[in-house]
């Protein structure tokens, strides 16, 4: 444990400025995150309809359809959080 305390790490200086043109990239990435979020919402609704239809027919094949958009929405939320942290 003493070894871990003695390891020197590089800490970048704070107060830096963003390079020119970063605002445009941030805008594009934010729009893309919103668009993907809207698409995932549509896929979630479609998955709910498929799961309801599968339940009415007595099948289990499409019961997990709304789960995958939710998983991808979690990944999207994490990506947005990471992007906001580094931007």
PDB file of N, CA and C in Angstrom:
ATOM      1  N   UNK A   1       0.811  -1.180   0.000  1.00  0.00           N
ATOM      2  CA  UNK A   1       0.000   0.000   0.000  1.00  0.00           C
ATOM      3  C   UNK A   1       0.864   1.258   0.000  1.00  0.00           C
ATOM      4  N   UNK A   2       2.029   1.186   0.638  1.00  0.00           N
ATOM      5  CA  UNK A   2       2.916   2.342   0.649  1.00  0.00           C
ATOM      6  C   UNK A   2       3.396   2.668  -0.759  1.00  0.00           C
ATOM      7  N   UNK A   3       3.525   1.627  -1.589  1.00  0.00           N
ATOM      8  CA  UNK A   3       3.954   1.844  -2.965  1.00  0.00           C
ATOM      9  C   UNK A   3       2.941   2.705  -3.719  1.00  0.00           C
ATOM     10  N   UNK A   4       1.662   2.440  -3.523  1.00  0.00           N
ATOM     11  CA  UNK A   4       0.634   3.212  -4.214  1.00  0.00           C
ATOM     12  C   UNK A   4       0.637   4.672  -3.783  1.00  0.00           C
ATOM     13  N   UNK A   5       0.947   4.920  -2.542  1.00  0.00           N
ATOM     14  CA  UNK A   5       1.000   6.297  -2.063  1.00  0.00           C
ATOM     15  C   UNK A   5       2.225   7.038  -2.577  1.00  0.00           C
ATOM     16  N   UNK A   6       3.263   6.314  -2.943  1.00  0.00           N
ATOM     17  CA  UNK A   6       4.487   6.968  -3.387  1.00  0.00           C
ATOM     18  C   UNK A   6       4.539   7.176  -4.896  1.00  0.00           C
ATOM     19  N   UNK A   7       3.583   6.628  -5.645  1.00  0.00           N
ATOM     20  CA  UNK A   7       3.590   6.768  -7.099  1.00  0.00           C
ATOM     21  C   UNK A   7       3.164   8.187  -7.460  1.00  0.00           C
ATOM     22  N   UNK A   8       4.014   8.857  -8.211  1.00  0.00           N
ATOM     23  CA  UNK A   8       3.704  10.215  -8.639  1.00  0.00           C
ATOM     24  C   UNK A   8       2.849  10.155  -9.902  1.00  0.00           C
ATOM     25  N   UNK A   9       1.822  10.970  -9.953  1.00  0.00           N
ATOM     26  CA  UNK A   9       0.964  11.018 -11.130  1.00  0.00           C
ATOM     27  C   UNK A   9       0.977  12.417 -11.707  1.00  0.00           C
ATOM     28  N   UNK A  10       0.740  12.488 -12.992  1.00  0.00           N
ATOM     29  CA  UNK A  10       0.686  13.781 -13.665  1.00  0.00           C
ATOM     30  C   UNK A  10      -0.716  14.353 -13.531  1.00  0.00           C
ATOM     31  N   UNK A  11      -0.793  15.552 -13.030  1.00  0.00           N
ATOM     32  CA  UNK A  11      -2.062  16.257 -12.937  1.00  0.00           C
ATOM     33  C   UNK A  11      -1.962  17.464 -13.860  1.00  0.00           C
ATOM     34  N   UNK A  12      -2.791  17.498 -14.910  1.00  0.00           N
ATOM     35  CA  UNK A  12      -2.689  18.629 -15.836  1.00  0.00           C
ATOM     36  C   UNK A  12      -3.089  19.935 -15.154  1.00  0.00           C
ATOM     37  N   UNK A  13      -2.466  21.021 -15.566  1.00  0.00           N
ATOM     38  CA  UNK A  13      -2.796  22.307 -14.944  1.00  0.00           C
ATOM     39  C   UNK A  13      -4.229  22.715 -15.285  1.00  0.00           C
ATOM     40  N   UNK A  14      -4.878  23.373 -14.350  1.00  0.00           N
ATOM     41  CA  UNK A  14      -6.252  23.810 -14.586  1.00  0.00           C
ATOM     42  C   UNK A  14      -6.257  25.210 -15.187  1.00  0.00           C
ATOM     43  N   UNK A  15      -7.407  25.617 -15.658  1.00  0.00           N
ATOM     44  CA  UNK A  15      -7.539  26.963 -16.199  1.00  0.00           C
ATOM     45  C   UNK A  15      -7.179  27.071 -17.662  1.00  0.00           C
ATOM     46  N   UNK A  16      -7.115  25.963 -18.373  1.00  0.00           N
ATOM     47  CA  UNK A  16      -6.805  26.002 -19.794  1.00  0.00           C
ATOM     48  C   UNK A  16      -7.984  26.511 -20.607  1.00  0.00           C
ATOM     49  N   UNK A  17      -7.696  26.879 -21.823  1.00  0.00           N
ATOM     50  CA  UNK A  17      -8.758  27.338 -22.717  1.00  0.00           C
ATOM     51  C   UNK A  17      -8.946  26.327 -23.832  1.00  0.00           C
ATOM     52  N   UNK A  18     -10.168  26.239 -24.292  1.00  0.00           N
ATOM     53  CA  UNK A  18     -10.485  25.308 -25.374  1.00  0.00           C
ATOM     54  C   UNK A  18      -9.970  25.869 -26.697  1.00  0.00           C
ATOM     55  N   UNK A  19      -9.557  24.994 -27.608  1.00  0.00           N
ATOM     56  CA  UNK A  19      -9.099  25.470 -28.904  1.00  0.00           C
ATOM     57  C   UNK A  19     -10.261  26.057 -29.709  1.00  0.00           C
ATOM     58  N   UNK A  20      -9.946  26.885 -30.691  1.00  0.00           N
ATOM     59  CA  UNK A  20     -11.019  27.481 -31.482  1.00  0.00           C
ATOM     60  C   UNK A  20     -11.776  26.414 -32.283  1.00  0.00           C
ATOM     61  N   UNK A  21     -13.070  26.601 -32.404  1.00  0.00           N
ATOM     62  CA  UNK A  21     -13.895  25.670 -33.159  1.00  0.00           C
ATOM     63  C   UNK A  21     -14.516  24.565 -32.337  1.00  0.00           C
ATOM     64  N   UNK A  22     -14.194  24.493 -31.062  1.00  0.00           N
ATOM     65  CA  UNK A  22     -14.729  23.425 -30.215  1.00  0.00           C
ATOM     66  C   UNK A  22     -16.229  23.607 -29.993  1.00  0.00           C
ATOM     67  N   UNK A  23     -16.694  24.844 -29.998  1.00  0.00           N
ATOM     68  CA  UNK A  23     -18.121  25.088 -29.796  1.00  0.00           C
ATOM     69  C   UNK A  23     -18.947  24.406 -30.879  1.00  0.00           C
ATOM     70  N   UNK A  24     -18.463  24.435 -32.120  1.00  0.00           N
ATOM     71  CA  UNK A  24     -19.188  23.787 -33.219  1.00  0.00           C
ATOM     72  C   UNK A  24     -19.238  22.278 -33.023  1.00  0.00           C
ATOM     73  N   UNK A  25     -18.141  21.696 -32.586  1.00  0.00           N
ATOM     74  CA  UNK A  25     -18.107  20.250 -32.348  1.00  0.00           C
ATOM     75  C   UNK A  25     -19.042  19.895 -31.199  1.00  0.00           C
ATOM     76  N   UNK A  26     -19.040  20.705 -30.148  1.00  0.00           N
ATOM     77  CA  UNK A  26     -19.948  20.455 -29.022  1.00  0.00           C
ATOM     78  C   UNK A  26     -21.404  20.516 -29.464  1.00  0.00           C
ATOM     79  N   UNK A  27     -21.727  21.476 -30.327  1.00  0.00           N
ATOM     80  CA  UNK A  27     -23.096  21.593 -30.826  1.00  0.00           C
ATOM     81  C   UNK A  27     -23.489  20.363 -31.630  1.00  0.00           C
ATOM     82  N   UNK A  28     -22.617  19.907 -32.498  1.00  0.00           N
ATOM     83  CA  UNK A  28     -22.913  18.737 -33.330  1.00  0.00           C
ATOM     84  C   UNK A  28     -23.070  17.487 -32.472  1.00  0.00           C
ATOM     85  N   UNK A  29     -22.178  17.300 -31.515  1.00  0.00           N
ATOM     86  CA  UNK A  29     -22.271  16.117 -30.648  1.00  0.00           C
ATOM     87  C   UNK A  29     -23.542  16.170 -29.805  1.00  0.00           C
ATOM     88  N   UNK A  30     -23.901  17.343 -29.309  1.00  0.00           N
ATOM     89  CA  UNK A  30     -25.132  17.471 -28.525  1.00  0.00           C
ATOM     90  C   UNK A  30     -26.355  17.158 -29.371  1.00  0.00           C
ATOM     91  N   UNK A  31     -26.397  17.656 -30.597  1.00  0.00           N
ATOM     92  CA  UNK A  31     -27.516  17.339 -31.498  1.00  0.00           C
ATOM     93  C   UNK A  31     -27.567  15.846 -31.777  1.00  0.00           C
ATOM     94  N   UNK A  32     -26.410  15.238 -32.000  1.00  0.00           N
ATOM     95  CA  UNK A  32     -26.374  13.794 -32.270  1.00  0.00           C
ATOM     96  C   UNK A  32     -26.880  13.005 -31.062  1.00  0.00           C
ATOM     97  N   UNK A  33     -26.492  13.413 -29.860  1.00  0.00           N
ATOM     98  CA  UNK A  33     -26.972  12.722 -28.660  1.00  0.00           C
ATOM     99  C   UNK A  33     -28.489  12.848 -28.515  1.00  0.00           C
ATOM    100  N   UNK A  34     -29.034  14.034 -28.804  1.00  0.00           N
ATOM    101  CA  UNK A  34     -30.487  14.206 -28.745  1.00  0.00           C
ATOM    102  C   UNK A  34     -31.181  13.361 -29.810  1.00  0.00           C
ATOM    103  N   UNK A  35     -30.635  13.328 -31.027  1.00  0.00           N
ATOM    104  CA  UNK A  35     -31.246  12.547 -32.108  1.00  0.00           C
ATOM    105  C   UNK A  35     -31.239  11.059 -31.779  1.00  0.00           C
ATOM    106  N   UNK A  36     -30.125  10.566 -31.284  1.00  0.00           N
ATOM    107  CA  UNK A  36     -30.044   9.151 -30.918  1.00  0.00           C
ATOM    108  C   UNK A  36     -30.990   8.855 -29.758  1.00  0.00           C
ATOM    109  N   UNK A  37     -31.117   9.773 -28.829  1.00  0.00           N
ATOM    110  CA  UNK A  37     -32.064   9.593 -27.730  1.00  0.00           C
ATOM    111  C   UNK A  37     -33.497   9.501 -28.227  1.00  0.00           C
ATOM    112  N   UNK A  38     -33.858  10.339 -29.197  1.00  0.00           N
ATOM    113  CA  UNK A  38     -35.209  10.283 -29.770  1.00  0.00           C
ATOM    114  C   UNK A  38     -35.438   8.972 -30.510  1.00  0.00           C
ATOM    115  N   UNK A  39     -34.435   8.519 -31.244  1.00  0.00           N
ATOM    116  CA  UNK A  39     -34.549   7.243 -31.962  1.00  0.00           C
ATOM    117  C   UNK A  39     -34.699   6.090 -30.975  1.00  0.00           C
ATOM    118  N   UNK A  40     -33.932   6.113 -29.897  1.00  0.00           N
ATOM    119  CA  UNK A  40     -34.056   5.058 -28.886  1.00  0.00           C
ATOM    120  C   UNK A  40     -35.424   5.080 -28.220  1.00  0.00           C
ATOM    121  N   UNK A  41     -35.999   6.263 -28.037  1.00  0.00           N
ATOM    122  CA  UNK A  41     -37.349   6.346 -27.475  1.00  0.00           C
ATOM    123  C   UNK A  41     -38.365   5.695 -28.410  1.00  0.00           C
ATOM    124  N   UNK A  42     -38.226   5.955 -29.711  1.00  0.00           N
ATOM    125  CA  UNK A  42     -39.123   5.325 -30.688  1.00  0.00           C
ATOM    126  C   UNK A  42     -38.946   3.812 -30.665  1.00  0.00           C
ATOM    127  N   UNK A  43     -37.704   3.338 -30.624  1.00  0.00           N
ATOM    128  CA  UNK A  43     -37.463   1.891 -30.557  1.00  0.00           C
ATOM    129  C   UNK A  43     -38.035   1.291 -29.273  1.00  0.00           C
ATOM    130  N   UNK A  44     -37.989   2.038 -28.179  1.00  0.00           N
ATOM    131  CA  UNK A  44     -38.565   1.557 -26.926  1.00  0.00           C
ATOM    132  C   UNK A  44     -40.076   1.387 -27.060  1.00  0.00           C
ATOM    133  N   UNK A  45     -40.746   2.363 -27.657  1.00  0.00           N
ATOM    134  CA  UNK A  45     -42.193   2.269 -27.861  1.00  0.00           C
ATOM    135  C   UNK A  45     -42.523   1.103 -28.784  1.00  0.00           C
ATOM    136  N   UNK A  46     -41.767   0.945 -29.865  1.00  0.00           N
ATOM    137  CA  UNK A  46     -41.976  -0.190 -30.776  1.00  0.00           C
ATOM    138  C   UNK A  46     -41.754  -1.501 -30.033  1.00  0.00           C
ATOM    139  N   UNK A  47     -40.752  -1.556 -29.180  1.00  0.00           N
ATOM    140  CA  UNK A  47     -40.493  -2.761 -28.389  1.00  0.00           C
ATOM    141  C   UNK A  47     -41.626  -3.072 -27.431  1.00  0.00           C
ATOM    142  N   UNK A  48     -42.213  -2.029 -26.825  1.00  0.00           N
ATOM    143  CA  UNK A  48     -43.366  -2.252 -25.949  1.00  0.00           C
ATOM    144  C   UNK A  48     -44.543  -2.837 -26.722  1.00  0.00           C
ATOM    145  N   UNK A  49     -44.773  -2.320 -27.923  1.00  0.00           N
ATOM    146  CA  UNK A  49     -45.865  -2.843 -28.752  1.00  0.00           C
ATOM    147  C   UNK A  49     -45.591  -4.295 -29.123  1.00  0.00           C
ATOM    148  N   UNK A  50     -44.354  -4.600 -29.507  1.00  0.00           N
ATOM    149  CA  UNK A  50     -44.004  -5.983 -29.858  1.00  0.00           C
ATOM    150  C   UNK A  50     -44.162  -6.907 -28.657  1.00  0.00           C
ATOM    151  N   UNK A  51     -43.753  -6.452 -27.489  1.00  0.00           N
ATOM    152  CA  UNK A  51     -43.884  -7.284 -26.290  1.00  0.00           C
ATOM    153  C   UNK A  51     -45.353  -7.515 -25.947  1.00  0.00           C
ATOM    154  N   UNK A  52     -46.175  -6.481 -26.105  1.00  0.00           N
ATOM    155  CA  UNK A  52     -47.609  -6.641 -25.828  1.00  0.00           C
ATOM    156  C   UNK A  52     -48.247  -7.606 -26.815  1.00  0.00           C
ATOM    157  N   UNK A  53     -47.867  -7.501 -28.079  1.00  0.00           N
ATOM    158  CA  UNK A  53     -48.411  -8.419 -29.082  1.00  0.00           C
ATOM    159  C   UNK A  53     -47.949  -9.845 -28.819  1.00  0.00           C
ATOM    160  N   UNK A  54     -46.714 -10.020 -28.408  1.00  0.00           N
ATOM    161  CA  UNK A  54     -46.210 -11.361 -28.104  1.00  0.00           C
ATOM    162  C   UNK A  54     -46.942 -11.939 -26.899  1.00  0.00           C
ATOM    163  N   UNK A  55     -47.222 -11.091 -25.921  1.00  0.00           N
ATOM    164  CA  UNK A  55     -47.941 -11.572 -24.730  1.00  0.00           C
ATOM    165  C   UNK A  55     -49.366 -11.968 -25.091  1.00  0.00           C
ATOM    166  N   UNK A  56     -50.003 -11.191 -25.954  1.00  0.00           N
ATOM    167  CA  UNK A  56     -51.373 -11.513 -26.354  1.00  0.00           C
ATOM    168  C   UNK A  56     -51.439 -12.813 -27.148  1.00  0.00           C
ATOM    169  N   UNK A  57     -50.374 -13.124 -27.860  1.00  0.00           N
ATOM    170  CA  UNK A  57     -50.326 -14.364 -28.629  1.00  0.00           C
ATOM    171  C   UNK A  57     -49.820 -15.534 -27.795  1.00  0.00           C
ATOM    172  N   UNK A  58     -49.369 -15.262 -26.591  1.00  0.00           N
ATOM    173  CA  UNK A  58     -48.878 -16.326 -25.723  1.00  0.00           C
ATOM    174  C   UNK A  58     -47.426 -16.683 -25.954  1.00  0.00           C
ATOM    175  N   UNK A  59     -46.690 -15.863 -26.691  1.00  0.00           N
ATOM    176  CA  UNK A  59     -45.284 -16.160 -26.977  1.00  0.00           C
ATOM    177  C   UNK A  59     -44.342 -15.353 -26.105  1.00  0.00           C
ATOM    178  N   UNK A  60     -43.100 -15.760 -26.084  1.00  0.00           N
ATOM    179  CA  UNK A  60     -42.074 -15.072 -25.309  1.00  0.00           C
ATOM    180  C   UNK A  60     -40.962 -14.527 -26.199  1.00  0.00           C
ATOM    181  N   UNK A  61     -41.108 -14.636 -27.508  1.00  0.00           N
ATOM    182  CA  UNK A  61     -40.013 -14.305 -28.415  1.00  0.00           C
ATOM    183  C   UNK A  61     -39.648 -12.820 -28.365  1.00  0.00           C
ATOM    184  N   UNK A  62     -40.649 -11.945 -28.290  1.00  0.00           N
ATOM    185  CA  UNK A  62     -40.379 -10.516 -28.342  1.00  0.00           C
ATOM    186  C   UNK A  62     -40.526  -9.836 -26.985  1.00  0.00           C
ATOM    187  N   UNK A  63     -40.520 -10.593 -25.928  1.00  0.00           N
ATOM    188  CA  UNK A  63     -40.722 -10.010 -24.604  1.00  0.00           C
ATOM    189  C   UNK A  63     -39.546  -9.134 -24.173  1.00  0.00           C
ATOM    190  N   UNK A  64     -38.372  -9.367 -24.730  1.00  0.00           N
ATOM    191  CA  UNK A  64     -37.208  -8.563 -24.349  1.00  0.00           C
ATOM    192  C   UNK A  64     -36.978  -7.395 -25.302  1.00  0.00           C
ATOM    193  N   UNK A  65     -37.899  -7.146 -26.219  1.00  0.00           N
ATOM    194  CA  UNK A  65     -37.706  -6.085 -27.211  1.00  0.00           C
ATOM    195  C   UNK A  65     -37.527  -4.696 -26.591  1.00  0.00           C
ATOM    196  N   UNK A  66     -38.275  -4.300 -25.550  1.00  0.00           N
ATOM    197  CA  UNK A  66     -38.055  -2.953 -25.011  1.00  0.00           C
ATOM    198  C   UNK A  66     -36.822  -2.826 -24.121  1.00  0.00           C
ATOM    199  N   UNK A  67     -36.169  -3.933 -23.802  1.00  0.00           N
ATOM    200  CA  UNK A  67     -35.018  -3.873 -22.892  1.00  0.00           C
ATOM    201  C   UNK A  67     -33.789  -3.292 -23.590  1.00  0.00           C
ATOM    202  N   UNK A  68     -33.551  -3.674 -24.837  1.00  0.00           N
ATOM    203  CA  UNK A  68     -32.337  -3.232 -25.526  1.00  0.00           C
ATOM    204  C   UNK A  68     -32.282  -1.721 -25.736  1.00  0.00           C
ATOM    205  N   UNK A  69     -33.382  -1.063 -26.117  1.00  0.00           N
ATOM    206  CA  UNK A  69     -33.289   0.405 -26.180  1.00  0.00           C
ATOM    207  C   UNK A  69     -32.995   1.045 -24.826  1.00  0.00           C
ATOM    208  N   UNK A  70     -33.490   0.447 -23.740  1.00  0.00           N
ATOM    209  CA  UNK A  70     -33.181   0.990 -22.418  1.00  0.00           C
ATOM    210  C   UNK A  70     -31.702   0.833 -22.082  1.00  0.00           C
ATOM    211  N   UNK A  71     -31.134  -0.309 -22.429  1.00  0.00           N
ATOM    212  CA  UNK A  71     -29.703  -0.530 -22.188  1.00  0.00           C
ATOM    213  C   UNK A  71     -28.878   0.471 -22.995  1.00  0.00           C
ATOM    214  N   UNK A  72     -29.256   0.651 -24.264  1.00  0.00           N
ATOM    215  CA  UNK A  72     -28.527   1.611 -25.095  1.00  0.00           C
ATOM    216  C   UNK A  72     -28.744   3.047 -24.614  1.00  0.00           C
ATOM    217  N   UNK A  73     -29.901   3.340 -24.038  1.00  0.00           N
ATOM    218  CA  UNK A  73     -30.133   4.673 -23.481  1.00  0.00           C
ATOM    219  C   UNK A  73     -29.223   4.929 -22.283  1.00  0.00           C
ATOM    220  N   UNK A  74     -28.970   3.907 -21.503  1.00  0.00           N
ATOM    221  CA  UNK A  74     -28.033   4.042 -20.381  1.00  0.00           C
ATOM    222  C   UNK A  74     -26.628   4.327 -20.899  1.00  0.00           C
ATOM    223  N   UNK A  75     -26.233   3.614 -21.944  1.00  0.00           N
ATOM    224  CA  UNK A  75     -24.922   3.855 -22.557  1.00  0.00           C
ATOM    225  C   UNK A  75     -24.868   5.269 -23.131  1.00  0.00           C
ATOM    226  N   UNK A  76     -25.956   5.693 -23.773  1.00  0.00           N
ATOM    227  CA  UNK A  76     -26.017   7.043 -24.332  1.00  0.00           C
ATOM    228  C   UNK A  76     -25.914   8.098 -23.232  1.00  0.00           C
ATOM    229  N   UNK A  77     -26.592   7.870 -22.128  1.00  0.00           N
ATOM    230  CA  UNK A  77     -26.501   8.806 -21.008  1.00  0.00           C
ATOM    231  C   UNK A  77     -25.095   8.890 -20.448  1.00  0.00           C
ATOM    232  N   UNK A  78     -24.437   7.751 -20.367  1.00  0.00           N
ATOM    233  CA  UNK A  78     -23.048   7.750 -19.896  1.00  0.00           C
ATOM    234  C   UNK A  78     -22.148   8.478 -20.883  1.00  0.00           C
ATOM    235  N   UNK A  79     -22.381   8.261 -22.176  1.00  0.00           N
ATOM    236  CA  UNK A  79     -21.567   8.942 -23.188  1.00  0.00           C
ATOM    237  C   UNK A  79     -21.773  10.451 -23.123  1.00  0.00           C
ATOM    238  N   UNK A  80     -23.015  10.872 -22.930  1.00  0.00           N
ATOM    239  CA  UNK A  80     -23.279  12.305 -22.811  1.00  0.00           C
ATOM    240  C   UNK A  80     -22.626  12.912 -21.587  1.00  0.00           C
ATOM    241  N   UNK A  81     -22.653  12.185 -20.499  1.00  0.00           N
ATOM    242  CA  UNK A  81     -22.018  12.668 -19.272  1.00  0.00           C
ATOM    243  C   UNK A  81     -20.511  12.776 -19.444  1.00  0.00           C
ATOM    244  N   UNK A  82     -19.922  11.767 -20.054  1.00  0.00           N
ATOM    245  CA  UNK A  82     -18.475  11.802 -20.295  1.00  0.00           C
ATOM    246  C   UNK A  82     -18.120  12.943 -21.239  1.00  0.00           C
ATOM    247  N   UNK A  83     -18.937  13.131 -22.291  1.00  0.00           N
ATOM    248  CA  UNK A  83     -18.657  14.218 -23.238  1.00  0.00           C
ATOM    249  C   UNK A  83     -18.732  15.574 -22.541  1.00  0.00           C
ATOM    250  N   UNK A  84     -19.730  15.770 -21.690  1.00  0.00           N
ATOM    251  CA  UNK A  84     -19.837  17.044 -20.975  1.00  0.00           C
ATOM    252  C   UNK A  84     -18.681  17.248 -20.004  1.00  0.00           C
ATOM    253  N   UNK A  85     -18.154  16.170 -19.474  1.00  0.00           N
ATOM    254  CA  UNK A  85     -17.036  16.290 -18.541  1.00  0.00           C
ATOM    255  C   UNK A  85     -15.747  16.687 -19.246  1.00  0.00           C
ATOM    256  N   UNK A  86     -15.550  16.199 -20.465  1.00  0.00           N
ATOM    257  CA  UNK A  86     -14.293  16.497 -21.160  1.00  0.00           C
ATOM    258  C   UNK A  86     -14.392  17.718 -22.056  1.00  0.00           C
ATOM    259  N   UNK A  87     -15.599  18.166 -22.349  1.00  0.00           N
ATOM    260  CA  UNK A  87     -15.745  19.299 -23.277  1.00  0.00           C
ATOM    261  C   UNK A  87     -15.597  20.622 -22.583  1.00  0.00           C
TER     262      UNK A  87
END
